[in-house]
Amino acid sequence: MQFETFQQSIIDAVPPAGTGIYLAAMWYDRKGDWEKAHSILNDLEDLTACWVHAYLHRKEGDSWNADYSYRKAAKKSPSVSYQREWEAIVKALL
Protein backbone atom coordinates (compact mmCIF):
# COMPACT_ATOMS: atom_id res chain seq x y z
CA MET A 1 0.00 0.00 0.00
CA GLN A 2 1.19 3.49 -0.79
CA PHE A 3 1.50 6.13 1.93
CA GLU A 4 -1.04 8.39 0.22
CA THR A 5 -3.58 5.56 0.04
CA PHE A 6 -3.12 4.81 3.73
CA GLN A 7 -3.44 8.47 4.63
CA GLN A 8 -6.61 8.85 2.55
CA SER A 9 -8.14 5.82 4.27
CA ILE A 10 -8.43 7.83 7.49
CA ILE A 11 -11.87 9.01 6.32
CA ASP A 12 -13.10 5.40 6.32
CA ALA A 13 -14.83 3.76 9.28
CA VAL A 14 -12.21 1.02 9.71
CA PRO A 15 -8.54 0.58 8.78
CA PRO A 16 -7.81 -0.85 5.33
CA ALA A 17 -8.12 -4.62 4.96
CA GLY A 18 -4.90 -6.40 5.80
CA THR A 19 -3.56 -3.56 7.93
CA GLY A 20 -1.38 -5.04 10.66
CA ILE A 21 -1.59 -4.06 14.29
CA TYR A 22 1.13 -1.41 14.15
CA LEU A 23 -0.39 0.43 11.20
CA ALA A 24 -3.84 0.00 12.72
CA ALA A 25 -2.61 1.79 15.84
CA MET A 26 -1.22 4.62 13.73
CA TRP A 27 -4.49 4.74 11.76
CA TYR A 28 -6.58 5.07 14.93
CA ASP A 29 -4.22 7.70 16.27
CA ARG A 30 -4.69 9.77 13.12
CA LYS A 31 -8.46 9.29 13.45
CA GLY A 32 -8.19 10.92 16.87
CA ASP A 33 -8.76 7.74 18.87
CA TRP A 34 -5.59 7.68 20.99
CA GLU A 35 -7.13 5.22 23.46
CA LYS A 36 -7.86 2.65 20.74
CA ALA A 37 -4.38 3.13 19.24
CA HIS A 38 -2.78 2.63 22.64
CA SER A 39 -4.90 -0.37 23.58
CA ILE A 40 -3.87 -2.22 20.41
CA LEU A 41 -0.20 -2.14 21.45
CA ASN A 42 -0.27 -1.84 25.20
CA ASP A 43 0.68 -5.44 25.97
CA LEU A 44 3.22 -5.91 23.16
CA GLU A 45 6.96 -5.71 23.83
CA ASP A 46 8.61 -6.09 20.40
CA LEU A 47 10.74 -3.26 18.98
CA THR A 48 8.09 -2.01 16.56
CA ALA A 49 5.35 -1.96 19.18
CA CYS A 50 7.67 -0.07 21.52
CA TRP A 51 8.40 2.49 18.79
CA VAL A 52 4.72 3.16 18.10
CA HIS A 53 4.00 3.12 21.83
CA ALA A 54 6.76 5.70 22.38
CA TYR A 55 5.27 7.97 19.72
CA LEU A 56 1.82 7.69 21.31
CA HIS A 57 3.14 8.59 24.76
CA ARG A 58 5.21 11.45 23.35
CA LYS A 59 2.10 12.82 21.65
CA GLU A 60 0.14 12.34 24.88
CA GLY A 61 2.73 14.41 26.75
CA ASP A 62 3.92 11.56 28.96
CA SER A 63 7.64 12.08 28.42
CA TRP A 64 8.72 9.50 31.00
CA ASN A 65 6.78 6.68 29.31
CA ALA A 66 7.79 7.95 25.87
CA ASP A 67 11.50 8.00 26.75
CA TYR A 68 11.25 4.54 28.31
CA SER A 69 9.56 3.15 25.20
CA TYR A 70 12.02 4.84 22.83
CA ARG A 71 14.85 3.14 24.75
CA LYS A 72 13.07 -0.22 24.52
CA ALA A 73 12.63 0.36 20.77
CA ALA A 74 16.33 1.25 20.41
CA LYS A 75 15.30 4.67 19.05
CA LYS A 76 16.07 8.23 20.06
CA SER A 77 13.25 10.59 20.92
CA PRO A 78 12.86 12.72 17.80
CA SER A 79 12.88 16.49 17.71
CA VAL A 80 10.38 16.67 14.85
CA SER A 81 6.67 17.42 15.07
CA TYR A 82 4.20 14.67 15.90
CA GLN A 83 2.95 14.90 12.29
CA ARG A 84 6.43 14.24 10.89
CA GLU A 85 7.04 11.40 13.29
CA TRP A 86 3.67 9.87 12.40
CA GLU A 87 4.58 10.05 8.71
CA ALA A 88 8.04 8.54 9.31
CA ILE A 89 6.64 5.63 11.31
CA VAL A 90 3.86 4.91 8.82
CA LYS A 91 6.27 5.06 5.87
CA ALA A 92 8.64 2.68 7.67
CA LEU A 93 5.82 0.26 8.42
CA LEU A 94 4.45 0.29 4.89
PDB file of N, CA and C in Angstrom:
ATOM      1  N   MET A   1       0.841  -1.173   0.000  1.00  0.00           N
ATOM      2  CA  MET A   1       0.000   0.000   0.000  1.00  0.00           C
ATOM      3  C   MET A   1       0.890   1.241   0.000  1.00  0.00           C
ATOM      4  N   GLN A   2       0.473   2.217  -0.731  1.00  0.00           N
ATOM      5  CA  GLN A   2       1.186   3.485  -0.791  1.00  0.00           C
ATOM      6  C   GLN A   2       0.814   4.358   0.410  1.00  0.00           C
ATOM      7  N   PHE A   3       1.739   5.230   0.809  1.00  0.00           N
ATOM      8  CA  PHE A   3       1.501   6.133   1.934  1.00  0.00           C
ATOM      9  C   PHE A   3       0.251   6.973   1.709  1.00  0.00           C
ATOM     10  N   GLU A   4       0.100   7.516   0.521  1.00  0.00           N
ATOM     11  CA  GLU A   4      -1.043   8.387   0.223  1.00  0.00           C
ATOM     12  C   GLU A   4      -2.364   7.626   0.359  1.00  0.00           C
ATOM     13  N   THR A   5      -2.379   6.383  -0.075  1.00  0.00           N
ATOM     14  CA  THR A   5      -3.581   5.559   0.042  1.00  0.00           C
ATOM     15  C   THR A   5      -3.917   5.329   1.505  1.00  0.00           C
ATOM     16  N   PHE A   6      -2.900   5.018   2.298  1.00  0.00           N
ATOM     17  CA  PHE A   6      -3.117   4.807   3.728  1.00  0.00           C
ATOM     18  C   PHE A   6      -3.642   6.089   4.368  1.00  0.00           C
ATOM     19  N   GLN A   7      -3.036   7.198   4.053  1.00  0.00           N
ATOM     20  CA  GLN A   7      -3.439   8.472   4.634  1.00  0.00           C
ATOM     21  C   GLN A   7      -4.879   8.818   4.241  1.00  0.00           C
ATOM     22  N   GLN A   8      -5.249   8.555   3.007  1.00  0.00           N
ATOM     23  CA  GLN A   8      -6.609   8.851   2.553  1.00  0.00           C
ATOM     24  C   GLN A   8      -7.639   7.938   3.206  1.00  0.00           C
ATOM     25  N   SER A   9      -7.210   6.767   3.652  1.00  0.00           N
ATOM     26  CA  SER A   9      -8.140   5.824   4.271  1.00  0.00           C
ATOM     27  C   SER A   9      -8.637   6.297   5.636  1.00  0.00           C
ATOM     28  N   ILE A  10      -8.046   7.332   6.164  1.00  0.00           N
ATOM     29  CA  ILE A  10      -8.433   7.828   7.489  1.00  0.00           C
ATOM     30  C   ILE A  10      -9.903   8.258   7.505  1.00  0.00           C
ATOM     31  N   ILE A  11     -10.452   8.613   6.368  1.00  0.00           N
ATOM     32  CA  ILE A  11     -11.867   9.015   6.324  1.00  0.00           C
ATOM     33  C   ILE A  11     -12.803   7.814   6.426  1.00  0.00           C
ATOM     34  N   ASP A  12     -12.286   6.606   6.249  1.00  0.00           N
ATOM     35  CA  ASP A  12     -13.099   5.399   6.320  1.00  0.00           C
ATOM     36  C   ASP A  12     -13.446   5.071   7.776  1.00  0.00           C
ATOM     37  N   ALA A  13     -14.383   4.139   7.939  1.00  0.00           N
ATOM     38  CA  ALA A  13     -14.827   3.757   9.279  1.00  0.00           C
ATOM     39  C   ALA A  13     -13.879   2.783   9.964  1.00  0.00           C
ATOM     40  N   VAL A  14     -13.138   2.021   9.164  1.00  0.00           N
ATOM     41  CA  VAL A  14     -12.208   1.021   9.713  1.00  0.00           C
ATOM     42  C   VAL A  14     -10.911   1.084   8.924  1.00  0.00           C
ATOM     43  N   PRO A  15      -9.820   0.601   9.516  1.00  0.00           N
ATOM     44  CA  PRO A  15      -8.544   0.576   8.783  1.00  0.00           C
ATOM     45  C   PRO A  15      -8.657  -0.281   7.521  1.00  0.00           C
ATOM     46  N   PRO A  16      -7.791  -0.044   6.558  1.00  0.00           N
ATOM     47  CA  PRO A  16      -7.809  -0.849   5.330  1.00  0.00           C
ATOM     48  C   PRO A  16      -7.630  -2.340   5.630  1.00  0.00           C
ATOM     49  N   ALA A  17      -8.252  -3.172   4.808  1.00  0.00           N
ATOM     50  CA  ALA A  17      -8.123  -4.619   4.962  1.00  0.00           C
ATOM     51  C   ALA A  17      -6.650  -5.011   4.904  1.00  0.00           C
ATOM     52  N   GLY A  18      -6.268  -5.912   5.779  1.00  0.00           N
ATOM     53  CA  GLY A  18      -4.900  -6.396   5.800  1.00  0.00           C
ATOM     54  C   GLY A  18      -3.921  -5.524   6.558  1.00  0.00           C
ATOM     55  N   THR A  19      -4.423  -4.436   7.142  1.00  0.00           N
ATOM     56  CA  THR A  19      -3.557  -3.564   7.928  1.00  0.00           C
ATOM     57  C   THR A  19      -3.147  -4.313   9.195  1.00  0.00           C
ATOM     58  N   GLY A  20      -1.869  -4.382   9.447  1.00  0.00           N
ATOM     59  CA  GLY A  20      -1.385  -5.042  10.656  1.00  0.00           C
ATOM     60  C   GLY A  20      -1.646  -4.193  11.893  1.00  0.00           C
ATOM     61  N   ILE A  21      -1.291  -4.744  13.030  1.00  0.00           N
ATOM     62  CA  ILE A  21      -1.591  -4.062  14.291  1.00  0.00           C
ATOM     63  C   ILE A  21      -0.865  -2.734  14.448  1.00  0.00           C
ATOM     64  N   TYR A  22       0.368  -2.652  13.976  1.00  0.00           N
ATOM     65  CA  TYR A  22       1.127  -1.414  14.151  1.00  0.00           C
ATOM     66  C   TYR A  22       0.521  -0.287  13.319  1.00  0.00           C
ATOM     67  N   LEU A  23       0.234  -0.587  12.057  1.00  0.00           N
ATOM     68  CA  LEU A  23      -0.392   0.427  11.205  1.00  0.00           C
ATOM     69  C   LEU A  23      -1.807   0.743  11.673  1.00  0.00           C
ATOM     70  N   ALA A  24      -2.503  -0.251  12.187  1.00  0.00           N
ATOM     71  CA  ALA A  24      -3.845   0.002  12.717  1.00  0.00           C
ATOM     72  C   ALA A  24      -3.772   1.002  13.879  1.00  0.00           C
ATOM     73  N   ALA A  25      -2.784   0.847  14.728  1.00  0.00           N
ATOM     74  CA  ALA A  25      -2.614   1.786  15.840  1.00  0.00           C
ATOM     75  C   ALA A  25      -2.352   3.196  15.323  1.00  0.00           C
ATOM     76  N   MET A  26      -1.507   3.296  14.313  1.00  0.00           N
ATOM     77  CA  MET A  26      -1.221   4.617  13.732  1.00  0.00           C
ATOM     78  C   MET A  26      -2.459   5.179  13.046  1.00  0.00           C
ATOM     79  N   TRP A  27      -3.251   4.334  12.420  1.00  0.00           N
ATOM     80  CA  TRP A  27      -4.490   4.742  11.763  1.00  0.00           C
ATOM     81  C   TRP A  27      -5.468   5.318  12.789  1.00  0.00           C
ATOM     82  N   TYR A  28      -5.664   4.588  13.890  1.00  0.00           N
ATOM     83  CA  TYR A  28      -6.582   5.070  14.932  1.00  0.00           C
ATOM     84  C   TYR A  28      -6.072   6.358  15.568  1.00  0.00           C
ATOM     85  N   ASP A  29      -4.775   6.451  15.738  1.00  0.00           N
ATOM     86  CA  ASP A  29      -4.224   7.702  16.273  1.00  0.00           C
ATOM     87  C   ASP A  29      -4.576   8.869  15.358  1.00  0.00           C
ATOM     88  N   ARG A  30      -4.380   8.689  14.067  1.00  0.00           N
ATOM     89  CA  ARG A  30      -4.686   9.771  13.116  1.00  0.00           C
ATOM     90  C   ARG A  30      -6.182  10.081  13.111  1.00  0.00           C
ATOM     91  N   LYS A  31      -7.014   9.082  13.376  1.00  0.00           N
ATOM     92  CA  LYS A  31      -8.461   9.290  13.453  1.00  0.00           C
ATOM     93  C   LYS A  31      -8.850  10.060  14.711  1.00  0.00           C
ATOM     94  N   GLY A  32      -7.894  10.219  15.626  1.00  0.00           N
ATOM     95  CA  GLY A  32      -8.189  10.918  16.871  1.00  0.00           C
ATOM     96  C   GLY A  32      -8.582  10.002  18.011  1.00  0.00           C
ATOM     97  N   ASP A  33      -8.410   8.704  17.832  1.00  0.00           N
ATOM     98  CA  ASP A  33      -8.756   7.741  18.873  1.00  0.00           C
ATOM     99  C   ASP A  33      -7.477   7.198  19.510  1.00  0.00           C
ATOM    100  N   TRP A  34      -6.843   8.045  20.331  1.00  0.00           N
ATOM    101  CA  TRP A  34      -5.593   7.682  20.991  1.00  0.00           C
ATOM    102  C   TRP A  34      -5.771   6.433  21.852  1.00  0.00           C
ATOM    103  N   GLU A  35      -6.882   6.358  22.564  1.00  0.00           N
ATOM    104  CA  GLU A  35      -7.127   5.217  23.460  1.00  0.00           C
ATOM    105  C   GLU A  35      -7.142   3.901  22.691  1.00  0.00           C
ATOM    106  N   LYS A  36      -7.815   3.867  21.559  1.00  0.00           N
ATOM    107  CA  LYS A  36      -7.861   2.649  20.738  1.00  0.00           C
ATOM    108  C   LYS A  36      -6.453   2.321  20.224  1.00  0.00           C
ATOM    109  N   ALA A  37      -5.746   3.338  19.740  1.00  0.00           N
ATOM    110  CA  ALA A  37      -4.385   3.133  19.244  1.00  0.00           C
ATOM    111  C   ALA A  37      -3.505   2.535  20.337  1.00  0.00           C
ATOM    112  N   HIS A  38      -3.593   3.092  21.523  1.00  0.00           N
ATOM    113  CA  HIS A  38      -2.777   2.632  22.644  1.00  0.00           C
ATOM    114  C   HIS A  38      -3.162   1.222  23.075  1.00  0.00           C
ATOM    115  N   SER A  39      -4.449   0.942  23.111  1.00  0.00           N
ATOM    116  CA  SER A  39      -4.900  -0.375  23.583  1.00  0.00           C
ATOM    117  C   SER A  39      -4.453  -1.499  22.652  1.00  0.00           C
ATOM    118  N   ILE A  40      -4.313  -1.206  21.372  1.00  0.00           N
ATOM    119  CA  ILE A  40      -3.869  -2.216  20.413  1.00  0.00           C
ATOM    120  C   ILE A  40      -2.461  -2.716  20.754  1.00  0.00           C
ATOM    121  N   LEU A  41      -1.616  -1.821  21.236  1.00  0.00           N
ATOM    122  CA  LEU A  41      -0.198  -2.139  21.454  1.00  0.00           C
ATOM    123  C   LEU A  41       0.208  -2.304  22.902  1.00  0.00           C
ATOM    124  N   ASN A  42      -0.656  -1.982  23.803  1.00  0.00           N
ATOM    125  CA  ASN A  42      -0.271  -1.839  25.198  1.00  0.00           C
ATOM    126  C   ASN A  42       0.447  -3.051  25.784  1.00  0.00           C
ATOM    127  N   ASP A  43       0.082  -4.250  25.380  1.00  0.00           N
ATOM    128  CA  ASP A  43       0.683  -5.439  25.971  1.00  0.00           C
ATOM    129  C   ASP A  43       1.789  -6.058  25.120  1.00  0.00           C
ATOM    130  N   LEU A  44       2.178  -5.383  24.036  1.00  0.00           N
ATOM    131  CA  LEU A  44       3.223  -5.908  23.160  1.00  0.00           C
ATOM    132  C   LEU A  44       4.577  -5.329  23.541  1.00  0.00           C
ATOM    133  N   GLU A  45       5.624  -6.126  23.395  1.00  0.00           N
ATOM    134  CA  GLU A  45       6.962  -5.712  23.826  1.00  0.00           C
ATOM    135  C   GLU A  45       8.009  -5.721  22.715  1.00  0.00           C
ATOM    136  N   ASP A  46       7.616  -6.040  21.474  1.00  0.00           N
ATOM    137  CA  ASP A  46       8.612  -6.090  20.404  1.00  0.00           C
ATOM    138  C   ASP A  46       9.063  -4.672  20.041  1.00  0.00           C
ATOM    139  N   LEU A  47      10.142  -4.571  19.300  1.00  0.00           N
ATOM    140  CA  LEU A  47      10.739  -3.265  18.978  1.00  0.00           C
ATOM    141  C   LEU A  47       9.770  -2.327  18.261  1.00  0.00           C
ATOM    142  N   THR A  48       9.006  -2.857  17.313  1.00  0.00           N
ATOM    143  CA  THR A  48       8.085  -2.009  16.561  1.00  0.00           C
ATOM    144  C   THR A  48       6.962  -1.512  17.451  1.00  0.00           C
ATOM    145  N   ALA A  49       6.409  -2.377  18.262  1.00  0.00           N
ATOM    146  CA  ALA A  49       5.349  -1.963  19.182  1.00  0.00           C
ATOM    147  C   ALA A  49       5.867  -0.893  20.140  1.00  0.00           C
ATOM    148  N   CYS A  50       7.086  -1.065  20.614  1.00  0.00           N
ATOM    149  CA  CYS A  50       7.666  -0.071  21.524  1.00  0.00           C
ATOM    150  C   CYS A  50       7.860   1.270  20.824  1.00  0.00           C
ATOM    151  N   TRP A  51       8.216   1.243  19.551  1.00  0.00           N
ATOM    152  CA  TRP A  51       8.397   2.489  18.792  1.00  0.00           C
ATOM    153  C   TRP A  51       7.071   3.236  18.655  1.00  0.00           C
ATOM    154  N   VAL A  52       6.034   2.525  18.241  1.00  0.00           N
ATOM    155  CA  VAL A  52       4.720   3.158  18.100  1.00  0.00           C
ATOM    156  C   VAL A  52       4.211   3.612  19.464  1.00  0.00           C
ATOM    157  N   HIS A  53       4.419   2.788  20.459  1.00  0.00           N
ATOM    158  CA  HIS A  53       4.003   3.121  21.832  1.00  0.00           C
ATOM    159  C   HIS A  53       4.708   4.398  22.307  1.00  0.00           C
ATOM    160  N   ALA A  54       5.992   4.511  22.003  1.00  0.00           N
ATOM    161  CA  ALA A  54       6.758   5.703  22.382  1.00  0.00           C
ATOM    162  C   ALA A  54       6.169   6.944  21.729  1.00  0.00           C
ATOM    163  N   TYR A  55       5.888   6.847  20.429  1.00  0.00           N
ATOM    164  CA  TYR A  55       5.271   7.974  19.716  1.00  0.00           C
ATOM    165  C   TYR A  55       3.958   8.371  20.388  1.00  0.00           C
ATOM    166  N   LEU A  56       3.124   7.383  20.707  1.00  0.00           N
ATOM    167  CA  LEU A  56       1.824   7.691  21.311  1.00  0.00           C
ATOM    168  C   LEU A  56       1.993   8.407  22.647  1.00  0.00           C
ATOM    169  N   HIS A  57       2.934   7.936  23.463  1.00  0.00           N
ATOM    170  CA  HIS A  57       3.140   8.594  24.759  1.00  0.00           C
ATOM    171  C   HIS A  57       3.779   9.971  24.596  1.00  0.00           C
ATOM    172  N   ARG A  58       4.634  10.126  23.620  1.00  0.00           N
ATOM    173  CA  ARG A  58       5.207  11.454  23.346  1.00  0.00           C
ATOM    174  C   ARG A  58       4.097  12.420  22.963  1.00  0.00           C
ATOM    175  N   LYS A  59       3.219  11.972  22.093  1.00  0.00           N
ATOM    176  CA  LYS A  59       2.100  12.818  21.655  1.00  0.00           C
ATOM    177  C   LYS A  59       1.175  13.136  22.831  1.00  0.00           C
ATOM    178  N   GLU A  60       0.990  12.168  23.704  1.00  0.00           N
ATOM    179  CA  GLU A  60       0.138  12.342  24.878  1.00  0.00           C
ATOM    180  C   GLU A  60       0.728  13.347  25.860  1.00  0.00           C
ATOM    181  N   GLY A  61       2.061  13.518  25.806  1.00  0.00           N
ATOM    182  CA  GLY A  61       2.730  14.412  26.747  1.00  0.00           C
ATOM    183  C   GLY A  61       3.346  13.694  27.926  1.00  0.00           C
ATOM    184  N   ASP A  62       3.338  12.375  27.892  1.00  0.00           N
ATOM    185  CA  ASP A  62       3.918  11.560  28.960  1.00  0.00           C
ATOM    186  C   ASP A  62       5.372  11.256  28.588  1.00  0.00           C
ATOM    187  N   SER A  63       6.255  12.205  28.865  1.00  0.00           N
ATOM    188  CA  SER A  63       7.642  12.084  28.422  1.00  0.00           C
ATOM    189  C   SER A  63       8.377  10.924  29.093  1.00  0.00           C
ATOM    190  N   TRP A  64       8.049  10.610  30.342  1.00  0.00           N
ATOM    191  CA  TRP A  64       8.723   9.499  31.003  1.00  0.00           C
ATOM    192  C   TRP A  64       8.433   8.185  30.261  1.00  0.00           C
ATOM    193  N   ASN A  65       7.144   7.908  30.018  1.00  0.00           N
ATOM    194  CA  ASN A  65       6.778   6.678  29.306  1.00  0.00           C
ATOM    195  C   ASN A  65       7.308   6.692  27.880  1.00  0.00           C
ATOM    196  N   ALA A  66       7.274   7.846  27.231  1.00  0.00           N
ATOM    197  CA  ALA A  66       7.793   7.953  25.865  1.00  0.00           C
ATOM    198  C   ALA A  66       9.279   7.622  25.847  1.00  0.00           C
ATOM    199  N   ASP A  67      10.050   8.246  26.712  1.00  0.00           N
ATOM    200  CA  ASP A  67      11.497   7.999  26.747  1.00  0.00           C
ATOM    201  C   ASP A  67      11.808   6.534  27.049  1.00  0.00           C
ATOM    202  N   TYR A  68      11.077   5.949  27.974  1.00  0.00           N
ATOM    203  CA  TYR A  68      11.250   4.541  28.311  1.00  0.00           C
ATOM    204  C   TYR A  68      10.992   3.663  27.085  1.00  0.00           C
ATOM    205  N   SER A  69       9.903   3.946  26.370  1.00  0.00           N
ATOM    206  CA  SER A  69       9.555   3.146  25.201  1.00  0.00           C
ATOM    207  C   SER A  69      10.519   3.373  24.045  1.00  0.00           C
ATOM    208  N   TYR A  70      11.003   4.603  23.865  1.00  0.00           N
ATOM    209  CA  TYR A  70      12.021   4.836  22.826  1.00  0.00           C
ATOM    210  C   TYR A  70      13.272   4.003  23.128  1.00  0.00           C
ATOM    211  N   ARG A  71      13.682   3.959  24.388  1.00  0.00           N
ATOM    212  CA  ARG A  71      14.851   3.144  24.748  1.00  0.00           C
ATOM    213  C   ARG A  71      14.596   1.667  24.448  1.00  0.00           C
ATOM    214  N   LYS A  72      13.404   1.181  24.786  1.00  0.00           N
ATOM    215  CA  LYS A  72      13.071  -0.219  24.519  1.00  0.00           C
ATOM    216  C   LYS A  72      13.029  -0.501  23.018  1.00  0.00           C
ATOM    217  N   ALA A  73      12.699   0.509  22.227  1.00  0.00           N
ATOM    218  CA  ALA A  73      12.633   0.358  20.771  1.00  0.00           C
ATOM    219  C   ALA A  73      13.989   0.590  20.112  1.00  0.00           C
ATOM    220  N   ALA A  74      14.992   0.929  20.921  1.00  0.00           N
ATOM    221  CA  ALA A  74      16.327   1.254  20.410  1.00  0.00           C
ATOM    222  C   ALA A  74      16.272   2.454  19.466  1.00  0.00           C
ATOM    223  N   LYS A  75      15.457   3.439  19.833  1.00  0.00           N
ATOM    224  CA  LYS A  75      15.297   4.672  19.048  1.00  0.00           C
ATOM    225  C   LYS A  75      15.560   5.869  19.958  1.00  0.00           C
ATOM    226  N   LYS A  76      15.933   6.976  19.332  1.00  0.00           N
ATOM    227  CA  LYS A  76      16.065   8.233  20.059  1.00  0.00           C
ATOM    228  C   LYS A  76      14.765   9.012  19.935  1.00  0.00           C
ATOM    229  N   SER A  77      14.434   9.735  20.976  1.00  0.00           N
ATOM    230  CA  SER A  77      13.253  10.591  20.919  1.00  0.00           C
ATOM    231  C   SER A  77      13.489  11.671  19.864  1.00  0.00           C
ATOM    232  N   PRO A  78      12.620  11.775  18.885  1.00  0.00           N
ATOM    233  CA  PRO A  78      12.856  12.724  17.795  1.00  0.00           C
ATOM    234  C   PRO A  78      12.573  14.163  18.214  1.00  0.00           C
ATOM    235  N   SER A  79      13.134  15.071  17.454  1.00  0.00           N
ATOM    236  CA  SER A  79      12.885  16.493  17.710  1.00  0.00           C
ATOM    237  C   SER A  79      11.985  17.077  16.630  1.00  0.00           C
ATOM    238  N   VAL A  80      11.308  16.211  15.891  1.00  0.00           N
ATOM    239  CA  VAL A  80      10.379  16.669  14.852  1.00  0.00           C
ATOM    240  C   VAL A  80       8.965  16.735  15.416  1.00  0.00           C
ATOM    241  N   SER A  81       8.072  17.323  14.655  1.00  0.00           N
ATOM    242  CA  SER A  81       6.669  17.421  15.074  1.00  0.00           C
ATOM    243  C   SER A  81       6.040  16.027  15.136  1.00  0.00           C
ATOM    244  N   TYR A  82       4.922  15.928  15.831  1.00  0.00           N
ATOM    245  CA  TYR A  82       4.195  14.670  15.895  1.00  0.00           C
ATOM    246  C   TYR A  82       3.780  14.226  14.493  1.00  0.00           C
ATOM    247  N   GLN A  83       3.361  15.188  13.668  1.00  0.00           N
ATOM    248  CA  GLN A  83       2.952  14.896  12.294  1.00  0.00           C
ATOM    249  C   GLN A  83       4.093  14.239  11.513  1.00  0.00           C
ATOM    250  N   ARG A  84       5.279  14.802  11.625  1.00  0.00           N
ATOM    251  CA  ARG A  84       6.427  14.240  10.889  1.00  0.00           C
ATOM    252  C   ARG A  84       6.809  12.868  11.428  1.00  0.00           C
ATOM    253  N   GLU A  85       6.723  12.710  12.732  1.00  0.00           N
ATOM    254  CA  GLU A  85       7.038  11.403  13.294  1.00  0.00           C
ATOM    255  C   GLU A  85       5.999  10.382  12.851  1.00  0.00           C
ATOM    256  N   TRP A  86       4.729  10.764  12.860  1.00  0.00           N
ATOM    257  CA  TRP A  86       3.670   9.870  12.398  1.00  0.00           C
ATOM    258  C   TRP A  86       3.968   9.416  10.974  1.00  0.00           C
ATOM    259  N   GLU A  87       4.277  10.366  10.107  1.00  0.00           N
ATOM    260  CA  GLU A  87       4.583  10.046   8.710  1.00  0.00           C
ATOM    261  C   GLU A  87       5.793   9.108   8.610  1.00  0.00           C
ATOM    262  N   ALA A  88       6.839   9.385   9.368  1.00  0.00           N
ATOM    263  CA  ALA A  88       8.038   8.542   9.314  1.00  0.00           C
ATOM    264  C   ALA A  88       7.745   7.121   9.757  1.00  0.00           C
ATOM    265  N   ILE A  89       6.976   6.967  10.823  1.00  0.00           N
ATOM    266  CA  ILE A  89       6.644   5.632  11.306  1.00  0.00           C
ATOM    267  C   ILE A  89       5.777   4.897  10.289  1.00  0.00           C
ATOM    268  N   VAL A  90       4.752   5.555   9.794  1.00  0.00           N
ATOM    269  CA  VAL A  90       3.856   4.911   8.822  1.00  0.00           C
ATOM    270  C   VAL A  90       4.637   4.503   7.575  1.00  0.00           C
ATOM    271  N   LYS A  91       5.481   5.391   7.071  1.00  0.00           N
ATOM    272  CA  LYS A  91       6.271   5.057   5.866  1.00  0.00           C
ATOM    273  C   LYS A  91       7.186   3.869   6.146  1.00  0.00           C
ATOM    274  N   ALA A  92       7.769   3.810   7.327  1.00  0.00           N
ATOM    275  CA  ALA A  92       8.644   2.681   7.672  1.00  0.00           C
ATOM    276  C   ALA A  92       7.856   1.377   7.770  1.00  0.00           C
ATOM    277  N   LEU A  93       6.635   1.455   8.260  1.00  0.00           N
ATOM    278  CA  LEU A  93       5.821   0.265   8.420  1.00  0.00           C
ATOM    279  C   LEU A  93       5.219  -0.230   7.109  1.00  0.00           C
ATOM    280  N   LEU A  94       5.008   0.691   6.189  1.00  0.00           N
ATOM    281  CA  LEU A  94       4.445   0.292   4.894  1.00  0.00           C
ATOM    282  C   LEU A  94       5.491  -0.432   4.075  1.00  0.00           C
TER     283      LEU A  94
END
